[in-house]
């Protein structure tokens, strides 16, 4: 039984991360800090940045209607909660040479809230 638990616990950690965040607070943060470049919702399209519908689980640099930087196109990242957390915290540390001109969010609570909001976008 211990081996089964050892396999399941790591798989459930991303869900735990989302449960810790407040999606409503994340939406407010998104509107203040992200919406000037990124769109979400049924009519979302690429703007200054790619749309973020379905971002969790998506291959980085793989939105058809957005001209990504060569660095983002070349990365092999999948936007898992952990990769999104690291990228939002410090984009240039995760994908050097990306086009996102954003210094990052260092506040853990804000990161959790924003991730909870992004996770619900389909």
N, C-alpha and C. Protein backbone atom coordinates (compact mmCIF):
# COMPACT_ATOMS: atom_id res chain seq x y z
N UNK A 1 0.82 -1.20 0.00
CA UNK A 1 0.00 0.00 0.00
C UNK A 1 0.86 1.26 0.00
N UNK A 2 1.98 1.22 0.65
CA UNK A 2 2.87 2.38 0.70
C UNK A 2 3.33 2.76 -0.71
N UNK A 3 3.62 1.76 -1.54
CA UNK A 3 4.07 2.06 -2.90
C UNK A 3 2.98 2.75 -3.71
N UNK A 4 1.74 2.33 -3.53
CA UNK A 4 0.62 2.95 -4.23
C UNK A 4 0.49 4.42 -3.81
N UNK A 5 0.58 4.69 -2.52
CA UNK A 5 0.49 6.07 -2.03
C UNK A 5 1.65 6.91 -2.57
N UNK A 6 2.82 6.31 -2.68
CA UNK A 6 3.97 7.05 -3.20
C UNK A 6 3.76 7.44 -4.66
N UNK A 7 3.00 6.66 -5.40
CA UNK A 7 2.71 6.99 -6.79
C UNK A 7 1.60 8.03 -6.92
N UNK A 8 0.60 7.96 -6.08
CA UNK A 8 -0.56 8.84 -6.18
C UNK A 8 -0.28 10.24 -5.64
N UNK A 9 0.44 10.36 -4.56
CA UNK A 9 0.67 11.66 -3.93
C UNK A 9 1.29 12.67 -4.90
N UNK A 10 2.37 12.33 -5.64
CA UNK A 10 2.91 13.34 -6.56
C UNK A 10 1.92 13.76 -7.64
N UNK A 11 1.07 12.84 -8.07
CA UNK A 11 0.08 13.18 -9.08
C UNK A 11 -0.97 14.13 -8.55
N UNK A 12 -1.23 14.08 -7.25
CA UNK A 12 -2.27 14.93 -6.67
C UNK A 12 -1.75 16.31 -6.26
N UNK A 13 -0.45 16.50 -6.23
CA UNK A 13 0.09 17.78 -5.79
C UNK A 13 -0.38 18.97 -6.63
N UNK A 14 -0.45 18.87 -7.97
CA UNK A 14 -0.97 20.02 -8.73
C UNK A 14 -2.40 20.38 -8.33
N UNK A 15 -3.21 19.39 -8.00
CA UNK A 15 -4.58 19.67 -7.57
C UNK A 15 -4.58 20.38 -6.23
N UNK A 16 -3.68 19.98 -5.35
CA UNK A 16 -3.57 20.63 -4.05
C UNK A 16 -3.17 22.09 -4.24
N UNK A 17 -2.24 22.35 -5.16
CA UNK A 17 -1.81 23.73 -5.42
C UNK A 17 -2.98 24.59 -5.85
N UNK A 18 -3.85 24.07 -6.71
CA UNK A 18 -4.99 24.85 -7.18
C UNK A 18 -6.00 25.07 -6.08
N UNK A 19 -6.20 24.07 -5.23
CA UNK A 19 -7.17 24.19 -4.16
C UNK A 19 -6.78 25.30 -3.20
N UNK A 20 -5.49 25.58 -3.10
CA UNK A 20 -5.01 26.58 -2.16
C UNK A 20 -5.28 28.00 -2.63
N UNK A 21 -5.50 28.18 -3.94
CA UNK A 21 -5.69 29.52 -4.47
C UNK A 21 -7.15 29.93 -4.52
N UNK A 22 -7.37 31.22 -4.57
CA UNK A 22 -8.71 31.81 -4.68
C UNK A 22 -8.87 32.32 -6.10
N UNK A 23 -9.66 31.60 -6.91
CA UNK A 23 -9.82 31.94 -8.32
C UNK A 23 -10.39 33.34 -8.52
N UNK A 24 -11.28 33.79 -7.64
CA UNK A 24 -11.84 35.14 -7.78
C UNK A 24 -10.75 36.20 -7.58
N UNK A 25 -9.89 35.99 -6.59
CA UNK A 25 -8.77 36.91 -6.39
C UNK A 25 -7.80 36.81 -7.55
N UNK A 26 -7.61 35.60 -8.10
CA UNK A 26 -6.76 35.41 -9.26
C UNK A 26 -7.29 36.12 -10.48
N UNK A 27 -8.61 36.12 -10.65
CA UNK A 27 -9.22 36.84 -11.78
C UNK A 27 -8.97 38.34 -11.65
N UNK A 28 -9.12 38.86 -10.45
CA UNK A 28 -8.87 40.28 -10.22
C UNK A 28 -7.40 40.62 -10.50
N UNK A 29 -6.49 39.77 -10.06
CA UNK A 29 -5.07 39.98 -10.32
C UNK A 29 -4.80 39.90 -11.83
N UNK A 30 -5.41 38.92 -12.50
CA UNK A 30 -5.26 38.80 -13.95
C UNK A 30 -5.70 40.08 -14.64
N UNK A 31 -6.84 40.61 -14.25
CA UNK A 31 -7.36 41.83 -14.87
C UNK A 31 -6.42 43.01 -14.67
N UNK A 32 -5.78 43.08 -13.50
CA UNK A 32 -4.86 44.18 -13.20
C UNK A 32 -3.49 44.02 -13.86
N UNK A 33 -2.99 42.78 -13.90
CA UNK A 33 -1.59 42.58 -14.29
C UNK A 33 -1.38 41.89 -15.63
N UNK A 34 -2.40 41.19 -16.15
CA UNK A 34 -2.18 40.34 -17.33
C UNK A 34 -3.05 40.71 -18.53
N UNK A 35 -4.24 41.25 -18.27
CA UNK A 35 -5.23 41.45 -19.33
C UNK A 35 -4.82 42.49 -20.37
N UNK A 36 -3.86 43.33 -20.07
CA UNK A 36 -3.42 44.30 -21.08
C UNK A 36 -2.70 43.60 -22.24
N UNK A 37 -2.22 42.39 -22.02
CA UNK A 37 -1.51 41.65 -23.06
C UNK A 37 -2.19 40.33 -23.45
N UNK A 38 -2.90 39.71 -22.52
CA UNK A 38 -3.49 38.39 -22.74
C UNK A 38 -5.00 38.43 -22.63
N UNK A 39 -5.66 37.74 -23.56
CA UNK A 39 -7.12 37.63 -23.52
C UNK A 39 -7.53 36.23 -23.03
N UNK A 40 -8.72 36.16 -22.44
CA UNK A 40 -9.32 34.90 -22.03
C UNK A 40 -10.82 34.97 -22.34
N UNK A 41 -11.46 33.84 -22.37
CA UNK A 41 -12.90 33.81 -22.59
C UNK A 41 -13.26 33.29 -23.97
N UNK A 42 -14.56 33.19 -24.24
CA UNK A 42 -15.03 32.59 -25.50
C UNK A 42 -14.53 33.28 -26.76
N UNK A 43 -14.35 34.58 -26.73
CA UNK A 43 -13.90 35.29 -27.93
C UNK A 43 -12.41 35.66 -27.87
N UNK A 44 -11.66 35.02 -26.98
CA UNK A 44 -10.24 35.34 -26.81
C UNK A 44 -9.46 35.03 -28.08
N UNK A 45 -8.51 35.91 -28.34
CA UNK A 45 -7.61 35.73 -29.46
C UNK A 45 -6.24 36.26 -29.04
N UNK A 46 -5.26 35.99 -29.85
CA UNK A 46 -3.94 36.52 -29.57
C UNK A 46 -4.00 38.04 -29.70
N UNK A 47 -3.35 38.71 -28.81
CA UNK A 47 -3.27 40.17 -28.83
C UNK A 47 -1.76 40.49 -28.78
N UNK A 48 -1.36 41.30 -27.82
CA UNK A 48 0.07 41.55 -27.64
C UNK A 48 0.76 40.26 -27.20
N UNK A 49 0.01 39.41 -26.47
CA UNK A 49 0.47 38.09 -26.06
C UNK A 49 -0.56 37.06 -26.48
N UNK A 50 -0.24 35.77 -26.36
CA UNK A 50 -1.19 34.73 -26.75
C UNK A 50 -2.39 34.70 -25.80
N UNK A 51 -3.52 34.17 -26.30
CA UNK A 51 -4.66 33.99 -25.40
C UNK A 51 -4.29 32.90 -24.41
N UNK A 52 -4.94 32.90 -23.27
CA UNK A 52 -4.58 31.94 -22.21
C UNK A 52 -5.67 30.91 -21.92
N UNK A 53 -6.68 30.81 -22.77
CA UNK A 53 -7.66 29.74 -22.59
C UNK A 53 -6.95 28.39 -22.67
N UNK A 54 -7.24 27.51 -21.75
CA UNK A 54 -6.65 26.17 -21.78
C UNK A 54 -5.15 26.14 -21.58
N UNK A 55 -4.59 27.14 -20.93
CA UNK A 55 -3.14 27.22 -20.76
C UNK A 55 -2.58 26.05 -19.95
N UNK A 56 -3.29 25.61 -18.91
CA UNK A 56 -2.79 24.51 -18.09
C UNK A 56 -2.83 23.22 -18.91
N UNK A 57 -1.67 22.63 -19.09
CA UNK A 57 -1.54 21.41 -19.86
C UNK A 57 -1.15 21.62 -21.31
N UNK A 58 -1.12 22.87 -21.76
CA UNK A 58 -0.80 23.18 -23.15
C UNK A 58 0.72 23.20 -23.35
N UNK A 59 1.16 22.83 -24.53
CA UNK A 59 2.57 22.91 -24.90
C UNK A 59 2.94 24.39 -25.04
N UNK A 60 4.04 24.80 -24.43
CA UNK A 60 4.50 26.19 -24.54
C UNK A 60 4.87 26.51 -25.98
N UNK A 61 4.55 27.73 -26.40
CA UNK A 61 4.90 28.18 -27.74
C UNK A 61 4.08 27.54 -28.84
N UNK A 62 2.87 27.11 -28.49
CA UNK A 62 2.08 26.33 -29.44
C UNK A 62 0.64 26.84 -29.59
N UNK A 63 0.47 28.14 -29.66
CA UNK A 63 -0.85 28.71 -29.96
C UNK A 63 -0.76 29.17 -31.41
N UNK A 64 -1.58 28.60 -32.30
CA UNK A 64 -1.41 28.85 -33.74
C UNK A 64 -1.44 30.31 -34.17
N UNK A 65 -2.21 31.15 -33.49
CA UNK A 65 -2.37 32.52 -33.97
C UNK A 65 -1.44 33.54 -33.31
N UNK A 66 -0.33 33.06 -32.74
CA UNK A 66 0.58 33.99 -32.07
C UNK A 66 2.02 33.76 -32.52
N UNK A 67 2.75 34.85 -32.86
CA UNK A 67 4.15 34.73 -33.30
C UNK A 67 5.12 34.68 -32.10
N UNK A 68 5.36 33.50 -31.57
CA UNK A 68 6.24 33.34 -30.41
C UNK A 68 7.69 33.65 -30.75
N UNK A 69 8.46 33.94 -29.73
CA UNK A 69 9.90 34.13 -29.88
C UNK A 69 10.53 32.78 -30.24
N UNK A 70 11.69 32.82 -30.88
CA UNK A 70 12.38 31.56 -31.17
C UNK A 70 12.65 30.75 -29.88
N UNK A 71 12.94 31.45 -28.78
CA UNK A 71 13.20 30.76 -27.52
C UNK A 71 11.96 30.00 -27.04
N UNK A 72 10.80 30.62 -27.13
CA UNK A 72 9.57 29.96 -26.68
C UNK A 72 9.19 28.82 -27.63
N UNK A 73 9.38 29.03 -28.92
CA UNK A 73 9.08 27.98 -29.90
C UNK A 73 9.96 26.75 -29.66
N UNK A 74 11.20 26.98 -29.24
CA UNK A 74 12.15 25.89 -29.08
C UNK A 74 12.02 25.14 -27.75
N UNK A 75 11.35 25.74 -26.78
CA UNK A 75 11.27 25.09 -25.48
C UNK A 75 10.42 23.83 -25.57
N UNK A 76 10.69 22.90 -24.71
CA UNK A 76 9.92 21.66 -24.66
C UNK A 76 8.95 21.67 -23.48
N UNK A 77 8.72 22.83 -22.90
CA UNK A 77 7.86 22.94 -21.72
C UNK A 77 6.40 22.64 -22.03
N UNK A 78 5.76 22.01 -21.07
CA UNK A 78 4.31 21.92 -21.04
C UNK A 78 3.90 22.76 -19.85
N UNK A 79 2.84 23.54 -20.00
CA UNK A 79 2.42 24.44 -18.93
C UNK A 79 1.69 23.68 -17.82
N UNK A 80 2.48 22.97 -17.03
CA UNK A 80 1.97 22.34 -15.82
C UNK A 80 1.83 23.43 -14.77
N UNK A 81 1.11 23.18 -13.70
CA UNK A 81 1.05 24.20 -12.63
C UNK A 81 2.44 24.60 -12.14
N UNK A 82 3.34 23.64 -12.03
CA UNK A 82 4.69 23.94 -11.53
C UNK A 82 5.45 24.82 -12.52
N UNK A 83 5.36 24.51 -13.82
CA UNK A 83 6.05 25.32 -14.83
C UNK A 83 5.44 26.71 -14.94
N UNK A 84 4.11 26.80 -14.87
CA UNK A 84 3.47 28.11 -14.88
C UNK A 84 3.90 28.94 -13.67
N UNK A 85 3.93 28.32 -12.50
CA UNK A 85 4.35 29.01 -11.28
C UNK A 85 5.75 29.59 -11.46
N UNK A 86 6.66 28.77 -11.94
CA UNK A 86 8.05 29.22 -12.12
C UNK A 86 8.12 30.34 -13.17
N UNK A 87 7.39 30.18 -14.27
CA UNK A 87 7.43 31.19 -15.34
C UNK A 87 6.81 32.51 -14.89
N UNK A 88 5.69 32.44 -14.22
CA UNK A 88 5.04 33.67 -13.75
C UNK A 88 5.90 34.36 -12.69
N UNK A 89 6.60 33.57 -11.89
CA UNK A 89 7.50 34.14 -10.88
C UNK A 89 8.65 34.88 -11.55
N UNK A 90 9.23 34.28 -12.60
CA UNK A 90 10.39 34.89 -13.25
C UNK A 90 10.53 34.35 -14.68
N UNK A 91 9.83 34.98 -15.64
CA UNK A 91 9.81 34.46 -17.02
C UNK A 91 11.19 34.25 -17.64
N UNK A 92 12.09 35.20 -17.45
CA UNK A 92 13.40 35.10 -18.09
C UNK A 92 14.26 33.99 -17.50
N UNK A 93 14.01 33.59 -16.27
CA UNK A 93 14.76 32.48 -15.69
C UNK A 93 14.31 31.14 -16.27
N UNK A 94 13.05 31.05 -16.66
CA UNK A 94 12.50 29.79 -17.17
C UNK A 94 12.73 29.65 -18.67
N UNK A 95 12.49 30.71 -19.42
CA UNK A 95 12.69 30.70 -20.88
C UNK A 95 13.48 31.96 -21.24
N UNK A 96 14.81 31.89 -21.13
CA UNK A 96 15.61 33.05 -21.51
C UNK A 96 15.37 33.40 -22.98
N UNK A 97 15.18 34.70 -23.25
CA UNK A 97 14.95 35.15 -24.62
C UNK A 97 13.49 35.17 -25.04
N UNK A 98 12.58 34.91 -24.09
CA UNK A 98 11.14 34.99 -24.42
C UNK A 98 10.76 36.45 -24.64
N UNK A 99 9.59 36.69 -25.23
CA UNK A 99 9.15 38.05 -25.54
C UNK A 99 8.34 38.71 -24.43
N UNK A 100 8.01 37.99 -23.39
CA UNK A 100 7.15 38.56 -22.35
C UNK A 100 7.93 39.60 -21.54
N UNK A 101 7.47 40.83 -21.58
CA UNK A 101 8.12 41.92 -20.84
C UNK A 101 7.38 42.12 -19.54
N UNK A 102 7.67 41.25 -18.62
CA UNK A 102 6.98 41.20 -17.34
C UNK A 102 8.00 40.77 -16.31
N UNK A 103 8.07 41.46 -15.21
CA UNK A 103 9.09 41.18 -14.20
C UNK A 103 8.75 40.00 -13.34
N UNK A 104 7.51 39.57 -13.31
CA UNK A 104 7.13 38.41 -12.52
C UNK A 104 6.37 38.78 -11.26
N UNK A 105 5.78 37.76 -10.66
CA UNK A 105 5.04 37.89 -9.40
C UNK A 105 5.76 37.04 -8.37
N UNK A 106 6.26 37.66 -7.34
CA UNK A 106 7.00 36.94 -6.31
C UNK A 106 6.16 36.55 -5.10
N UNK A 107 4.97 37.12 -4.97
CA UNK A 107 4.11 36.85 -3.82
C UNK A 107 3.44 35.49 -4.00
N UNK A 108 3.70 34.57 -3.10
CA UNK A 108 3.19 33.19 -3.20
C UNK A 108 1.66 33.14 -3.22
N UNK A 109 1.02 33.94 -2.40
CA UNK A 109 -0.45 33.95 -2.36
C UNK A 109 -1.02 34.40 -3.72
N UNK A 110 -0.44 35.44 -4.29
CA UNK A 110 -0.89 35.91 -5.59
C UNK A 110 -0.65 34.85 -6.67
N UNK A 111 0.48 34.16 -6.59
CA UNK A 111 0.73 33.07 -7.54
C UNK A 111 -0.33 31.98 -7.43
N UNK A 112 -0.65 31.58 -6.20
CA UNK A 112 -1.66 30.55 -5.99
C UNK A 112 -3.02 31.00 -6.53
N UNK A 113 -3.37 32.23 -6.27
CA UNK A 113 -4.65 32.76 -6.75
C UNK A 113 -4.69 32.80 -8.28
N UNK A 114 -3.62 33.30 -8.89
CA UNK A 114 -3.59 33.38 -10.34
C UNK A 114 -3.62 31.99 -10.97
N UNK A 115 -2.91 31.05 -10.40
CA UNK A 115 -2.93 29.68 -10.91
C UNK A 115 -4.32 29.06 -10.78
N UNK A 116 -5.00 29.33 -9.68
CA UNK A 116 -6.36 28.82 -9.53
C UNK A 116 -7.27 29.38 -10.62
N UNK A 117 -7.11 30.65 -10.94
CA UNK A 117 -7.90 31.26 -12.01
C UNK A 117 -7.53 30.67 -13.37
N UNK A 118 -6.24 30.59 -13.67
CA UNK A 118 -5.82 30.06 -14.96
C UNK A 118 -6.26 28.61 -15.15
N UNK A 119 -6.24 27.86 -14.06
CA UNK A 119 -6.63 26.45 -14.14
C UNK A 119 -8.08 26.27 -14.57
N UNK A 120 -8.94 27.20 -14.24
CA UNK A 120 -10.35 27.06 -14.59
C UNK A 120 -10.67 27.52 -16.02
N UNK A 121 -9.70 28.13 -16.69
CA UNK A 121 -9.93 28.60 -18.06
C UNK A 121 -9.86 27.44 -19.03
N UNK A 122 -10.87 27.27 -19.81
CA UNK A 122 -10.89 26.15 -20.78
C UNK A 122 -11.02 26.65 -22.18
